[in-house]
C-alpha atoms as a PDB file:
ATOM      1  CA  MET A   1       0.000   0.000   0.000  1.00  0.00           C
ATOM      2  CA  SER A   2       1.125   3.536  -0.791  1.00  0.00           C
ATOM      3  CA  LYS A   3       0.265   6.782   0.909  1.00  0.00           C
ATOM      4  CA  VAL A   4      -0.802   9.488  -1.526  1.00  0.00           C
ATOM      5  CA  ILE A   5      -1.676  13.149  -0.960  1.00  0.00           C
ATOM      6  CA  LEU A   6      -4.625  14.090  -3.166  1.00  0.00           C
ATOM      7  CA  ILE A   7      -4.223  17.346  -5.087  1.00  0.00           C
ATOM      8  CA  HIS A   8      -7.691  17.248  -6.691  1.00  0.00           C
ATOM      9  CA  GLU A   9     -10.967  15.693  -5.623  1.00  0.00           C
ATOM     10  CA  VAL A  10     -11.319  12.079  -6.760  1.00  0.00           C
ATOM     11  CA  SER A  11     -14.804  10.602  -6.622  1.00  0.00           C
ATOM     12  CA  GLY A  12     -14.910   7.746  -4.147  1.00  0.00           C
ATOM     13  CA  LEU A  13     -11.493   8.500  -2.619  1.00  0.00           C
ATOM     14  CA  GLY A  14     -11.463  11.986  -1.129  1.00  0.00           C
ATOM     15  CA  SER A  15     -10.872  15.676  -1.577  1.00  0.00           C
ATOM     16  CA  ALA A  16      -7.794  17.798  -2.117  1.00  0.00           C
ATOM     17  CA  GLY A  17      -5.475  17.634   0.872  1.00  0.00           C
ATOM     18  CA  ASP A  18      -6.551  14.169   2.043  1.00  0.00           C
ATOM     19  CA  VAL A  19      -3.871  11.550   2.707  1.00  0.00           C
ATOM     20  CA  ILE A  20      -5.116   8.156   1.542  1.00  0.00           C
ATOM     21  CA  ASP A  21      -3.781   4.606   1.373  1.00  0.00           C
ATOM     22  CA  VAL A  22      -4.139   2.991  -2.048  1.00  0.00           C
ATOM     23  CA  LYS A  23      -2.543   0.047  -3.794  1.00  0.00           C
ATOM     24  CA  ASN A  24       0.885   0.710  -5.255  1.00  0.00           C
ATOM     25  CA  GLY A  25      -0.161   0.207  -8.876  1.00  0.00           C
ATOM     26  CA  TYR A  26      -3.182   2.523  -8.584  1.00  0.00           C
ATOM     27  CA  ALA A  27      -0.994   5.295  -7.213  1.00  0.00           C
ATOM     28  CA  ARG A  28       1.897   4.731  -9.611  1.00  0.00           C
ATOM     29  CA  ASN A  29      -0.139   4.124 -12.780  1.00  0.00           C
ATOM     30  CA  TYR A  30      -3.164   6.392 -12.354  1.00  0.00           C
ATOM     31  CA  LEU A  31      -3.279   8.935  -9.527  1.00  0.00           C
ATOM     32  CA  ILE A  32       0.219  10.371  -9.855  1.00  0.00           C
ATOM     33  CA  PRO A  33       0.506  10.436 -13.703  1.00  0.00           C
ATOM     34  CA  GLN A  34      -2.982  11.986 -14.066  1.00  0.00           C
ATOM     35  CA  GLY A  35      -2.042  14.731 -11.598  1.00  0.00           C
ATOM     36  CA  PHE A  36      -4.647  13.744  -8.992  1.00  0.00           C
ATOM     37  CA  GLY A  37      -2.070  13.133  -6.272  1.00  0.00           C
ATOM     38  CA  VAL A  38       1.563  13.087  -5.199  1.00  0.00           C
ATOM     39  CA  ALA A  39       3.486  10.513  -3.207  1.00  0.00           C
ATOM     40  CA  TRP A  40       3.378  11.131   0.546  1.00  0.00           C
ATOM     41  CA  THR A  41       6.604  12.255   2.210  1.00  0.00           C
ATOM     42  CA  ARG A  42       7.370  13.857   5.560  1.00  0.00           C
ATOM     43  CA  GLY A  43       7.969  17.150   3.784  1.00  0.00           C
ATOM     44  CA  GLY A  44       4.631  16.661   2.065  1.00  0.00           C
ATOM     45  CA  GLU A  45       2.815  17.172   5.375  1.00  0.00           C
ATOM     46  CA  LYS A  46       3.454  20.908   4.981  1.00  0.00           C
ATOM     47  CA  GLN A  47       1.831  20.720   1.553  1.00  0.00           C
ATOM     48  CA  VAL A  48      -1.180  18.988   3.092  1.00  0.00           C
ATOM     49  CA  GLU A  49      -1.705  21.856   5.500  1.00  0.00           C
ATOM     50  CA  GLN A  50      -1.373  24.420   2.700  1.00  0.00           C
ATOM     51  CA  ILE A  51      -3.810  22.523   0.471  1.00  0.00           C
ATOM     52  CA  ARG A  52      -6.339  22.194   3.313  1.00  0.00           C
ATOM     53  CA  ALA A  53      -6.055  25.900   4.194  1.00  0.00           C
ATOM     54  CA  ALA A  54      -6.564  26.893   0.551  1.00  0.00           C
ATOM     55  CA  ARG A  55      -9.526  24.502   0.295  1.00  0.00           C
ATOM     56  CA  ALA A  56     -11.125  25.972   3.432  1.00  0.00           C
ATOM     57  CA  THR A  57     -10.922  29.533   2.086  1.00  0.00           C
ATOM     58  CA  ARG A  58     -12.282  28.439  -1.312  1.00  0.00           C
ATOM     59  CA  GLU A  59     -15.143  26.525   0.312  1.00  0.00           C
ATOM     60  CA  LEU A  60     -16.507  29.604   2.043  1.00  0.00           C
ATOM     61  CA  LYS A  61     -16.759  31.430  -1.286  1.00  0.00           C
ATOM     62  CA  THR A  62     -17.867  28.495  -3.365  1.00  0.00           C
ATOM     63  CA  ILE A  63     -20.757  27.130  -1.308  1.00  0.00           C
ATOM     64  CA  GLU A  64     -23.048  29.937  -2.463  1.00  0.00           C
ATOM     65  CA  GLU A  65     -21.763  29.608  -6.033  1.00  0.00           C
ATOM     66  CA  ALA A  66     -22.377  25.843  -5.937  1.00  0.00           C
ATOM     67  CA  ARG A  67     -25.950  26.274  -4.693  1.00  0.00           C
ATOM     68  CA  ASP A  68     -26.579  28.888  -7.388  1.00  0.00           C
ATOM     69  CA  MET A  69     -25.133  26.589 -10.076  1.00  0.00           C
ATOM     70  CA  LYS A  70     -27.246  23.678  -8.776  1.00  0.00           C
ATOM     71  CA  ALA A  71     -30.403  25.771  -9.119  1.00  0.00           C
ATOM     72  CA  ARG A  72     -29.456  26.795 -12.671  1.00  0.00           C
ATOM     73  CA  LEU A  73     -28.602  23.216 -13.719  1.00  0.00           C
ATOM     74  CA  GLU A  74     -31.815  21.742 -12.317  1.00  0.00           C
ATOM     75  CA  ALA A  75     -33.978  24.501 -13.846  1.00  0.00           C
ATOM     76  CA  VAL A  76     -33.108  23.697 -17.469  1.00  0.00           C
ATOM     77  CA  LYS A  77     -33.105  20.625 -19.666  1.00  0.00           C
ATOM     78  CA  ILE A  78     -29.716  20.059 -21.288  1.00  0.00           C
ATOM     79  CA  THR A  79     -30.083  19.166 -24.975  1.00  0.00           C
ATOM     80  CA  LEU A  80     -27.420  16.840 -26.338  1.00  0.00           C
ATOM     81  CA  PRO A  81     -27.358  16.399 -30.151  1.00  0.00           C
ATOM     82  CA  VAL A  82     -25.658  13.097 -31.060  1.00  0.00           C
ATOM     83  CA  LYS A  83     -25.138  10.952 -34.145  1.00  0.00           C
ATOM     84  CA  THR A  84     -27.663   8.138 -34.291  1.00  0.00           C
ATOM     85  CA  GLY A  85     -28.443   5.123 -36.396  1.00  0.00           C
ATOM     86  CA  THR A  86     -31.756   3.430 -36.997  1.00  0.00           C
ATOM     87  CA  GLY A  87     -34.223   3.272 -34.127  1.00  0.00           C
ATOM     88  CA  GLY A  88     -32.580   6.125 -32.193  1.00  0.00           C
ATOM     89  CA  ARG A  89     -29.529   4.078 -31.204  1.00  0.00           C
ATOM     90  CA  LEU A  90     -26.356   6.078 -30.660  1.00  0.00           C
ATOM     91  CA  PHE A  91     -23.004   5.423 -32.266  1.00  0.00           C
ATOM     92  CA  GLY A  92     -21.131   4.893 -28.996  1.00  0.00           C
ATOM     93  CA  SER A  93     -22.546   6.477 -25.850  1.00  0.00           C
ATOM     94  CA  VAL A  94     -22.843   9.825 -24.104  1.00  0.00           C
ATOM     95  CA  LYS A  95     -19.723  10.597 -22.071  1.00  0.00           C
ATOM     96  CA  PRO A  96     -19.252  13.025 -19.158  1.00  0.00           C
ATOM     97  CA  ALA A  97     -17.198  15.325 -21.410  1.00  0.00           C
ATOM     98  CA  ASP A  98     -20.173  15.529 -23.811  1.00  0.00           C
ATOM     99  CA  VAL A  99     -22.467  16.565 -20.949  1.00  0.00           C
ATOM    100  CA  ALA A 100     -20.004  19.214 -19.725  1.00  0.00           C
ATOM    101  CA  ALA A 101     -19.657  20.619 -23.253  1.00  0.00           C
ATOM    102  CA  ALA A 102     -23.453  20.744 -23.705  1.00  0.00           C
ATOM    103  CA  VAL A 103     -23.890  22.609 -20.395  1.00  0.00           C
ATOM    104  CA  THR A 104     -21.310  25.183 -21.497  1.00  0.00           C
ATOM    105  CA  ALA A 105     -22.837  25.466 -25.001  1.00  0.00           C
ATOM    106  CA  GLN A 106     -26.287  26.196 -23.564  1.00  0.00           C
ATOM    107  CA  GLY A 107     -24.869  29.045 -21.497  1.00  0.00           C
ATOM    108  CA  VAL A 108     -25.782  27.559 -18.107  1.00  0.00           C
ATOM    109  CA  GLY A 109     -22.184  27.711 -16.868  1.00  0.00           C
ATOM    110  CA  THR A 110     -19.048  25.618 -16.939  1.00  0.00           C
ATOM    111  CA  ILE A 111     -18.643  22.342 -15.091  1.00  0.00           C
ATOM    112  CA  ASP A 112     -15.725  19.968 -14.839  1.00  0.00           C
ATOM    113  CA  LYS A 113     -16.219  16.740 -16.791  1.00  0.00           C
ATOM    114  CA  ARG A 114     -14.721  14.802 -13.866  1.00  0.00           C
ATOM    115  CA  LYS A 115     -17.637  15.896 -11.672  1.00  0.00           C
ATOM    116  CA  VAL A 116     -20.308  14.483 -14.027  1.00  0.00           C
ATOM    117  CA  GLU A 117     -21.581  11.019 -13.107  1.00  0.00           C
ATOM    118  CA  ILE A 118     -23.795   9.076 -15.516  1.00  0.00           C
ATOM    119  CA  PRO A 119     -25.365   6.118 -13.650  1.00  0.00           C
ATOM    120  CA  THR A 120     -25.975   3.901 -16.699  1.00  0.00           C
ATOM    121  CA  ALA A 121     -24.584   4.146 -20.216  1.00  0.00           C
ATOM    122  CA  ILE A 122     -26.763   6.333 -22.429  1.00  0.00           C
ATOM    123  CA  LYS A 123     -27.083   4.558 -25.780  1.00  0.00           C
ATOM    124  CA  LEU A 124     -30.578   5.686 -26.893  1.00  0.00           C
ATOM    125  CA  THR A 125     -32.186   9.026 -27.649  1.00  0.00           C
ATOM    126  CA  GLY A 126     -34.709  10.376 -25.145  1.00  0.00           C
ATOM    127  CA  GLU A 127     -34.753  11.732 -21.605  1.00  0.00           C
ATOM    128  CA  HIS A 128     -32.005  10.652 -19.209  1.00  0.00           C
ATOM    129  CA  GLU A 129     -30.654  11.814 -15.854  1.00  0.00           C
ATOM    130  CA  ALA A 130     -27.121  12.464 -14.674  1.00  0.00           C
ATOM    131  CA  THR A 131     -25.644  13.921 -11.501  1.00  0.00           C
ATOM    132  CA  VAL A 132     -23.074  16.651 -11.121  1.00  0.00           C
ATOM    133  CA  ARG A 133     -21.071  16.718  -7.886  1.00  0.00           C
ATOM    134  CA  LEU A 134     -20.418  20.447  -7.509  1.00  0.00           C
ATOM    135  CA  ARG A 135     -19.093  19.985  -3.959  1.00  0.00           C
ATOM    136  CA  GLU A 136     -19.072  17.127  -1.493  1.00  0.00           C
ATOM    137  CA  ASP A 137     -22.403  18.291  -0.083  1.00  0.00           C
ATOM    138  CA  VAL A 138     -23.969  19.881  -3.202  1.00  0.00           C
ATOM    139  CA  ILE A 139     -25.090  17.419  -5.874  1.00  0.00           C
ATOM    140  CA  ALA A 140     -27.259  18.526  -8.796  1.00  0.00           C
ATOM    141  CA  THR A 141     -29.442  16.118 -10.758  1.00  0.00           C
ATOM    142  CA  ILE A 142     -29.709  17.260 -14.360  1.00  0.00           C
ATOM    143  CA  THR A 143     -32.100  16.168 -17.086  1.00  0.00           C
ATOM    144  CA  LEU A 144     -30.513  15.326 -20.424  1.00  0.00           C
ATOM    145  CA  SER A 145     -32.523  15.382 -23.623  1.00  0.00           C
ATOM    146  CA  VAL A 146     -30.552  13.249 -26.070  1.00  0.00           C
ATOM    147  CA  VAL A 147     -31.656  14.031 -29.636  1.00  0.00           C
ATOM    148  CA  ALA A 148     -30.495  13.004 -33.106  1.00  0.00           C
ATOM    149  CA  ALA A 149     -28.099  15.530 -34.676  1.00  0.00           C
ATOM    150  CA  LYS A 150     -29.149  16.930 -38.025  1.00  0.00           C
END
């Protein structure tokens, strides 16, 4: 097991500034190369305190912004034009990056694709739901209208 200091929030693991124990391969092959974390060292403890302090100051400002963004996301239906075949079946599926791009294109705001969670693969046109984790305690449920692109 390896100790890793998270730099960014990772769904299911923790938030920035958390020290977590993960398997060696997961840390070496995914978390560290993707920039989600750094290897824990004694000198890294100072970094942990700095990251936590920065997160605490950001949280005070962002809780109101997150609630405002949640209200805006839940008030509109996000339209996602996609390429389809016969019977409304998609070529591939809708990905979190597609949802984030559609939210930005509709002028609702910008969201990070890593915060979008699609519970089941969307492979058909129609109405679907997805969640956006704006903060640990603010989760917006958005309605996606998947339509055939012209």
